[in-house]
């Protein structure tokens, strides 16, 4: 039985989780960009993990298209520490009800470190931060964004993969 953990990671959090999951399960691990659609048939079980940016799971459209006929385990890694409303928003922004019923979804907390943002995203972020800082009345979300901008967070912890590993071992 051949199994694989695929990942897409910009800042390293998803890669760390993918590595731990693959090690615990004894599975192959590979960056999603190095995986070919024609290889799907070669694997019994596939886990795909990716970061969430601006509410969207990186590469999810391509993944859902490629795996429309093969159920996989999808792991989303984002900057909040298991905030249920944010996790629900991630599900609603990335999947139809049918896709959520077909695939298995897990969430793991990552972190936020805006110092790692580069290029055009960095420029847009800096403009956004300046606009928010100038506001007299900030929303709770805006205050949280400013706090995370100046105080990076990292919630990555191996304890968060337990349910994923247990589920994968049973299928």
C-alpha atoms as a PDB file:
ATOM      1  CA  UNK A   1       0.000   0.000   0.000  1.00  0.00           C
ATOM      2  CA  UNK A   2       1.503   3.326  -1.125  1.00  0.00           C
ATOM      3  CA  UNK A   3       0.581   6.508   0.710  1.00  0.00           C
ATOM      4  CA  UNK A   4       1.813  10.085   0.479  1.00  0.00           C
ATOM      5  CA  UNK A   5       1.677  13.424   2.282  1.00  0.00           C
ATOM      6  CA  UNK A   6       1.623  16.350  -0.149  1.00  0.00           C
ATOM      7  CA  UNK A   7       2.118  19.892   1.075  1.00  0.00           C
ATOM      8  CA  UNK A   8       2.305  23.478  -0.092  1.00  0.00           C
ATOM      9  CA  UNK A   9       4.076  25.771   2.364  1.00  0.00           C
ATOM     10  CA  UNK A  10       5.172  29.396   2.077  1.00  0.00           C
ATOM     11  CA  UNK A  11       6.587  30.054   5.543  1.00  0.00           C
ATOM     12  CA  UNK A  12       7.360  26.580   6.886  1.00  0.00           C
ATOM     13  CA  UNK A  13       4.440  25.852   9.221  1.00  0.00           C
ATOM     14  CA  UNK A  14       2.642  23.476   6.851  1.00  0.00           C
ATOM     15  CA  UNK A  15       5.926  21.813   5.909  1.00  0.00           C
ATOM     16  CA  UNK A  16       6.618  21.115   9.590  1.00  0.00           C
ATOM     17  CA  UNK A  17       3.197  19.500  10.081  1.00  0.00           C
ATOM     18  CA  UNK A  18       3.558  17.495   6.846  1.00  0.00           C
ATOM     19  CA  UNK A  19       6.952  16.243   7.991  1.00  0.00           C
ATOM     20  CA  UNK A  20       5.631  15.142  11.387  1.00  0.00           C
ATOM     21  CA  UNK A  21       2.599  13.422   9.829  1.00  0.00           C
ATOM     22  CA  UNK A  22       4.724  11.592   7.247  1.00  0.00           C
ATOM     23  CA  UNK A  23       7.225  10.504   9.914  1.00  0.00           C
ATOM     24  CA  UNK A  24       4.542   9.245  12.295  1.00  0.00           C
ATOM     25  CA  UNK A  25       2.781   7.316   9.525  1.00  0.00           C
ATOM     26  CA  UNK A  26       5.939   6.179   7.720  1.00  0.00           C
ATOM     27  CA  UNK A  27       4.645   7.715   4.482  1.00  0.00           C
ATOM     28  CA  UNK A  28       6.341   9.419   1.573  1.00  0.00           C
ATOM     29  CA  UNK A  29       6.328  13.237   1.633  1.00  0.00           C
ATOM     30  CA  UNK A  30       6.550  15.617  -1.308  1.00  0.00           C
ATOM     31  CA  UNK A  31       5.930  19.245  -2.216  1.00  0.00           C
ATOM     32  CA  UNK A  32       2.683  19.420  -4.199  1.00  0.00           C
ATOM     33  CA  UNK A  33       4.454  21.257  -7.026  1.00  0.00           C
ATOM     34  CA  UNK A  34       6.550  18.113  -7.623  1.00  0.00           C
ATOM     35  CA  UNK A  35       3.513  15.802  -7.820  1.00  0.00           C
ATOM     36  CA  UNK A  36       1.928  14.912 -11.166  1.00  0.00           C
ATOM     37  CA  UNK A  37      -1.781  14.333 -11.677  1.00  0.00           C
ATOM     38  CA  UNK A  38      -0.976  11.031 -13.382  1.00  0.00           C
ATOM     39  CA  UNK A  39       0.496   9.757 -10.086  1.00  0.00           C
ATOM     40  CA  UNK A  40      -2.835   9.838  -8.238  1.00  0.00           C
ATOM     41  CA  UNK A  41      -3.601   6.252  -9.245  1.00  0.00           C
ATOM     42  CA  UNK A  42      -0.318   5.101  -7.662  1.00  0.00           C
ATOM     43  CA  UNK A  43      -1.422   5.972  -4.114  1.00  0.00           C
ATOM     44  CA  UNK A  44      -4.035   4.466  -1.835  1.00  0.00           C
ATOM     45  CA  UNK A  45      -4.241   7.341   0.635  1.00  0.00           C
ATOM     46  CA  UNK A  46      -3.261  10.958   0.102  1.00  0.00           C
ATOM     47  CA  UNK A  47      -3.010  13.780   2.612  1.00  0.00           C
ATOM     48  CA  UNK A  48      -2.756  17.326   1.262  1.00  0.00           C
ATOM     49  CA  UNK A  49      -1.715  20.115   3.631  1.00  0.00           C
ATOM     50  CA  UNK A  50      -1.515  23.792   2.784  1.00  0.00           C
ATOM     51  CA  UNK A  51      -1.457  27.227   4.328  1.00  0.00           C
ATOM     52  CA  UNK A  52      -4.395  29.612   4.399  1.00  0.00           C
ATOM     53  CA  UNK A  53      -3.823  33.123   3.069  1.00  0.00           C
ATOM     54  CA  UNK A  54      -6.554  35.752   3.146  1.00  0.00           C
ATOM     55  CA  UNK A  55      -9.085  33.002   3.878  1.00  0.00           C
ATOM     56  CA  UNK A  56      -8.103  30.817   0.918  1.00  0.00           C
ATOM     57  CA  UNK A  57      -6.260  27.509   1.131  1.00  0.00           C
ATOM     58  CA  UNK A  58      -3.233  27.694  -1.170  1.00  0.00           C
ATOM     59  CA  UNK A  59      -3.675  25.494  -4.306  1.00  0.00           C
ATOM     60  CA  UNK A  60      -7.098  24.238  -3.173  1.00  0.00           C
ATOM     61  CA  UNK A  61      -8.812  24.801  -6.547  1.00  0.00           C
ATOM     62  CA  UNK A  62      -6.248  22.640  -8.320  1.00  0.00           C
ATOM     63  CA  UNK A  63      -6.393  20.001  -5.571  1.00  0.00           C
ATOM     64  CA  UNK A  64     -10.194  19.800  -5.656  1.00  0.00           C
ATOM     65  CA  UNK A  65     -10.122  19.466  -9.440  1.00  0.00           C
ATOM     66  CA  UNK A  66      -7.415  16.785  -9.413  1.00  0.00           C
ATOM     67  CA  UNK A  67      -9.047  14.804  -6.619  1.00  0.00           C
ATOM     68  CA  UNK A  68     -12.710  15.176  -7.569  1.00  0.00           C
ATOM     69  CA  UNK A  69     -12.999  11.388  -7.937  1.00  0.00           C
ATOM     70  CA  UNK A  70     -10.639  10.301  -5.143  1.00  0.00           C
ATOM     71  CA  UNK A  71     -11.322  11.267  -1.541  1.00  0.00           C
ATOM     72  CA  UNK A  72      -8.308  12.667   0.290  1.00  0.00           C
ATOM     73  CA  UNK A  73      -7.485  14.147   3.671  1.00  0.00           C
ATOM     74  CA  UNK A  74      -7.108  17.926   3.488  1.00  0.00           C
ATOM     75  CA  UNK A  75      -5.235  19.790   6.232  1.00  0.00           C
ATOM     76  CA  UNK A  76      -5.507  23.588   6.423  1.00  0.00           C
ATOM     77  CA  UNK A  77      -2.880  25.479   8.406  1.00  0.00           C
ATOM     78  CA  UNK A  78      -3.636  29.080   9.352  1.00  0.00           C
ATOM     79  CA  UNK A  79      -2.532  31.745  11.779  1.00  0.00           C
ATOM     80  CA  UNK A  80      -5.216  31.397  14.427  1.00  0.00           C
ATOM     81  CA  UNK A  81      -5.055  29.091  17.403  1.00  0.00           C
ATOM     82  CA  UNK A  82      -8.173  26.986  16.759  1.00  0.00           C
ATOM     83  CA  UNK A  83     -10.701  29.839  16.605  1.00  0.00           C
ATOM     84  CA  UNK A  84     -13.873  27.984  15.610  1.00  0.00           C
ATOM     85  CA  UNK A  85     -15.409  30.884  13.670  1.00  0.00           C
ATOM     86  CA  UNK A  86     -12.263  31.241  11.551  1.00  0.00           C
ATOM     87  CA  UNK A  87     -12.139  27.488  10.899  1.00  0.00           C
ATOM     88  CA  UNK A  88     -15.781  27.541   9.803  1.00  0.00           C
ATOM     89  CA  UNK A  89     -15.009  30.487   7.504  1.00  0.00           C
ATOM     90  CA  UNK A  90     -12.101  28.549   5.973  1.00  0.00           C
ATOM     91  CA  UNK A  91     -14.414  25.621   5.244  1.00  0.00           C
ATOM     92  CA  UNK A  92     -17.137  27.854   3.802  1.00  0.00           C
ATOM     93  CA  UNK A  93     -14.691  29.884   1.662  1.00  0.00           C
ATOM     94  CA  UNK A  94     -12.950  26.877   0.145  1.00  0.00           C
ATOM     95  CA  UNK A  95     -15.405  23.993  -0.161  1.00  0.00           C
ATOM     96  CA  UNK A  96     -18.932  23.191  -1.219  1.00  0.00           C
ATOM     97  CA  UNK A  97     -20.973  21.003   1.133  1.00  0.00           C
ATOM     98  CA  UNK A  98     -20.480  18.125  -1.287  1.00  0.00           C
ATOM     99  CA  UNK A  99     -16.698  18.548  -1.270  1.00  0.00           C
ATOM    100  CA  UNK A 100     -16.605  18.621   2.540  1.00  0.00           C
ATOM    101  CA  UNK A 101     -18.693  15.435   2.622  1.00  0.00           C
ATOM    102  CA  UNK A 102     -16.439  13.721   0.049  1.00  0.00           C
ATOM    103  CA  UNK A 103     -13.038  14.695   1.473  1.00  0.00           C
ATOM    104  CA  UNK A 104     -11.935  14.726   5.113  1.00  0.00           C
ATOM    105  CA  UNK A 105     -10.955  18.127   6.526  1.00  0.00           C
ATOM    106  CA  UNK A 106      -8.641  18.925   9.422  1.00  0.00           C
ATOM    107  CA  UNK A 107      -7.355  22.224  10.759  1.00  0.00           C
ATOM    108  CA  UNK A 108      -3.992  22.839  12.441  1.00  0.00           C
ATOM    109  CA  UNK A 109      -2.865  26.172  13.886  1.00  0.00           C
ATOM    110  CA  UNK A 110       0.151  27.764  12.246  1.00  0.00           C
ATOM    111  CA  UNK A 111       1.238  31.265  13.033  1.00  0.00           C
ATOM    112  CA  UNK A 112       1.580  34.782  11.744  1.00  0.00           C
ATOM    113  CA  UNK A 113       4.896  36.483  11.100  1.00  0.00           C
ATOM    114  CA  UNK A 114       4.455  39.409   8.759  1.00  0.00           C
ATOM    115  CA  UNK A 115       8.225  39.964   8.606  1.00  0.00           C
ATOM    116  CA  UNK A 116       8.376  36.941   6.261  1.00  0.00           C
ATOM    117  CA  UNK A 117       6.009  38.481   3.708  1.00  0.00           C
ATOM    118  CA  UNK A 118       7.827  39.528   0.525  1.00  0.00           C
ATOM    119  CA  UNK A 119       7.347  41.479  -2.698  1.00  0.00           C
ATOM    120  CA  UNK A 120       4.024  42.950  -3.740  1.00  0.00           C
ATOM    121  CA  UNK A 121       2.273  41.312  -0.789  1.00  0.00           C
ATOM    122  CA  UNK A 122       4.623  43.163   1.584  1.00  0.00           C
ATOM    123  CA  UNK A 123       3.836  46.482  -0.110  1.00  0.00           C
ATOM    124  CA  UNK A 124       0.068  45.869   0.056  1.00  0.00           C
ATOM    125  CA  UNK A 125       0.362  44.775   3.677  1.00  0.00           C
ATOM    126  CA  UNK A 126       2.269  47.919   4.628  1.00  0.00           C
ATOM    127  CA  UNK A 127      -0.367  50.142   2.977  1.00  0.00           C
ATOM    128  CA  UNK A 128      -3.127  48.244   4.757  1.00  0.00           C
ATOM    129  CA  UNK A 129      -1.374  48.524   8.140  1.00  0.00           C
ATOM    130  CA  UNK A 130      -0.932  52.294   7.699  1.00  0.00           C
ATOM    131  CA  UNK A 131      -4.628  52.689   6.871  1.00  0.00           C
ATOM    132  CA  UNK A 132      -5.698  50.655   9.901  1.00  0.00           C
ATOM    133  CA  UNK A 133      -3.276  52.471  12.214  1.00  0.00           C
ATOM    134  CA  UNK A 134      -4.766  55.835  11.213  1.00  0.00           C
ATOM    135  CA  UNK A 135      -8.333  54.786  11.971  1.00  0.00           C
ATOM    136  CA  UNK A 136      -9.724  56.368  15.124  1.00  0.00           C
ATOM    137  CA  UNK A 137     -12.199  53.534  15.785  1.00  0.00           C
ATOM    138  CA  UNK A 138     -10.796  50.120  15.018  1.00  0.00           C
ATOM    139  CA  UNK A 139     -12.781  46.902  14.952  1.00  0.00           C
ATOM    140  CA  UNK A 140     -11.759  43.959  17.125  1.00  0.00           C
ATOM    141  CA  UNK A 141     -10.410  42.200  14.023  1.00  0.00           C
ATOM    142  CA  UNK A 142      -8.352  45.262  13.050  1.00  0.00           C
ATOM    143  CA  UNK A 143      -6.870  45.449  16.553  1.00  0.00           C
ATOM    144  CA  UNK A 144      -5.973  41.750  16.321  1.00  0.00           C
ATOM    145  CA  UNK A 145      -4.310  42.277  12.932  1.00  0.00           C
ATOM    146  CA  UNK A 146      -2.234  45.154  14.270  1.00  0.00           C
ATOM    147  CA  UNK A 147      -1.247  43.102  17.301  1.00  0.00           C
ATOM    148  CA  UNK A 148      -0.156  40.172  15.136  1.00  0.00           C
ATOM    149  CA  UNK A 149       1.718  42.537  12.802  1.00  0.00           C
ATOM    150  CA  UNK A 150       3.901  43.754  15.665  1.00  0.00           C
ATOM    151  CA  UNK A 151       3.931  40.510  17.683  1.00  0.00           C
ATOM    152  CA  UNK A 152       4.483  37.383  15.549  1.00  0.00           C
ATOM    153  CA  UNK A 153       2.808  34.167  16.699  1.00  0.00           C
ATOM    154  CA  UNK A 154       3.674  30.519  16.235  1.00  0.00           C
ATOM    155  CA  UNK A 155       1.210  27.852  17.382  1.00  0.00           C
ATOM    156  CA  UNK A 156       2.862  24.975  15.498  1.00  0.00           C
ATOM    157  CA  UNK A 157       3.032  21.962  17.801  1.00  0.00           C
ATOM    158  CA  UNK A 158       3.219  18.257  17.095  1.00  0.00           C
ATOM    159  CA  UNK A 159       0.292  17.645  19.462  1.00  0.00           C
ATOM    160  CA  UNK A 160      -2.042  19.016  16.767  1.00  0.00           C
ATOM    161  CA  UNK A 161      -1.439  16.106  14.365  1.00  0.00           C
ATOM    162  CA  UNK A 162      -2.812  13.367  16.639  1.00  0.00           C
ATOM    163  CA  UNK A 163      -6.324  13.272  15.164  1.00  0.00           C
ATOM    164  CA  UNK A 164      -4.966  13.331  11.607  1.00  0.00           C
ATOM    165  CA  UNK A 165      -2.556  10.463  12.212  1.00  0.00           C
ATOM    166  CA  UNK A 166      -5.217   8.420  14.034  1.00  0.00           C
ATOM    167  CA  UNK A 167      -7.696   8.934  11.204  1.00  0.00           C
ATOM    168  CA  UNK A 168      -5.146   8.030   8.504  1.00  0.00           C
ATOM    169  CA  UNK A 169      -4.119   4.860  10.361  1.00  0.00           C
ATOM    170  CA  UNK A 170      -7.735   3.650  10.377  1.00  0.00           C
ATOM    171  CA  UNK A 171      -8.411   3.967   6.643  1.00  0.00           C
END
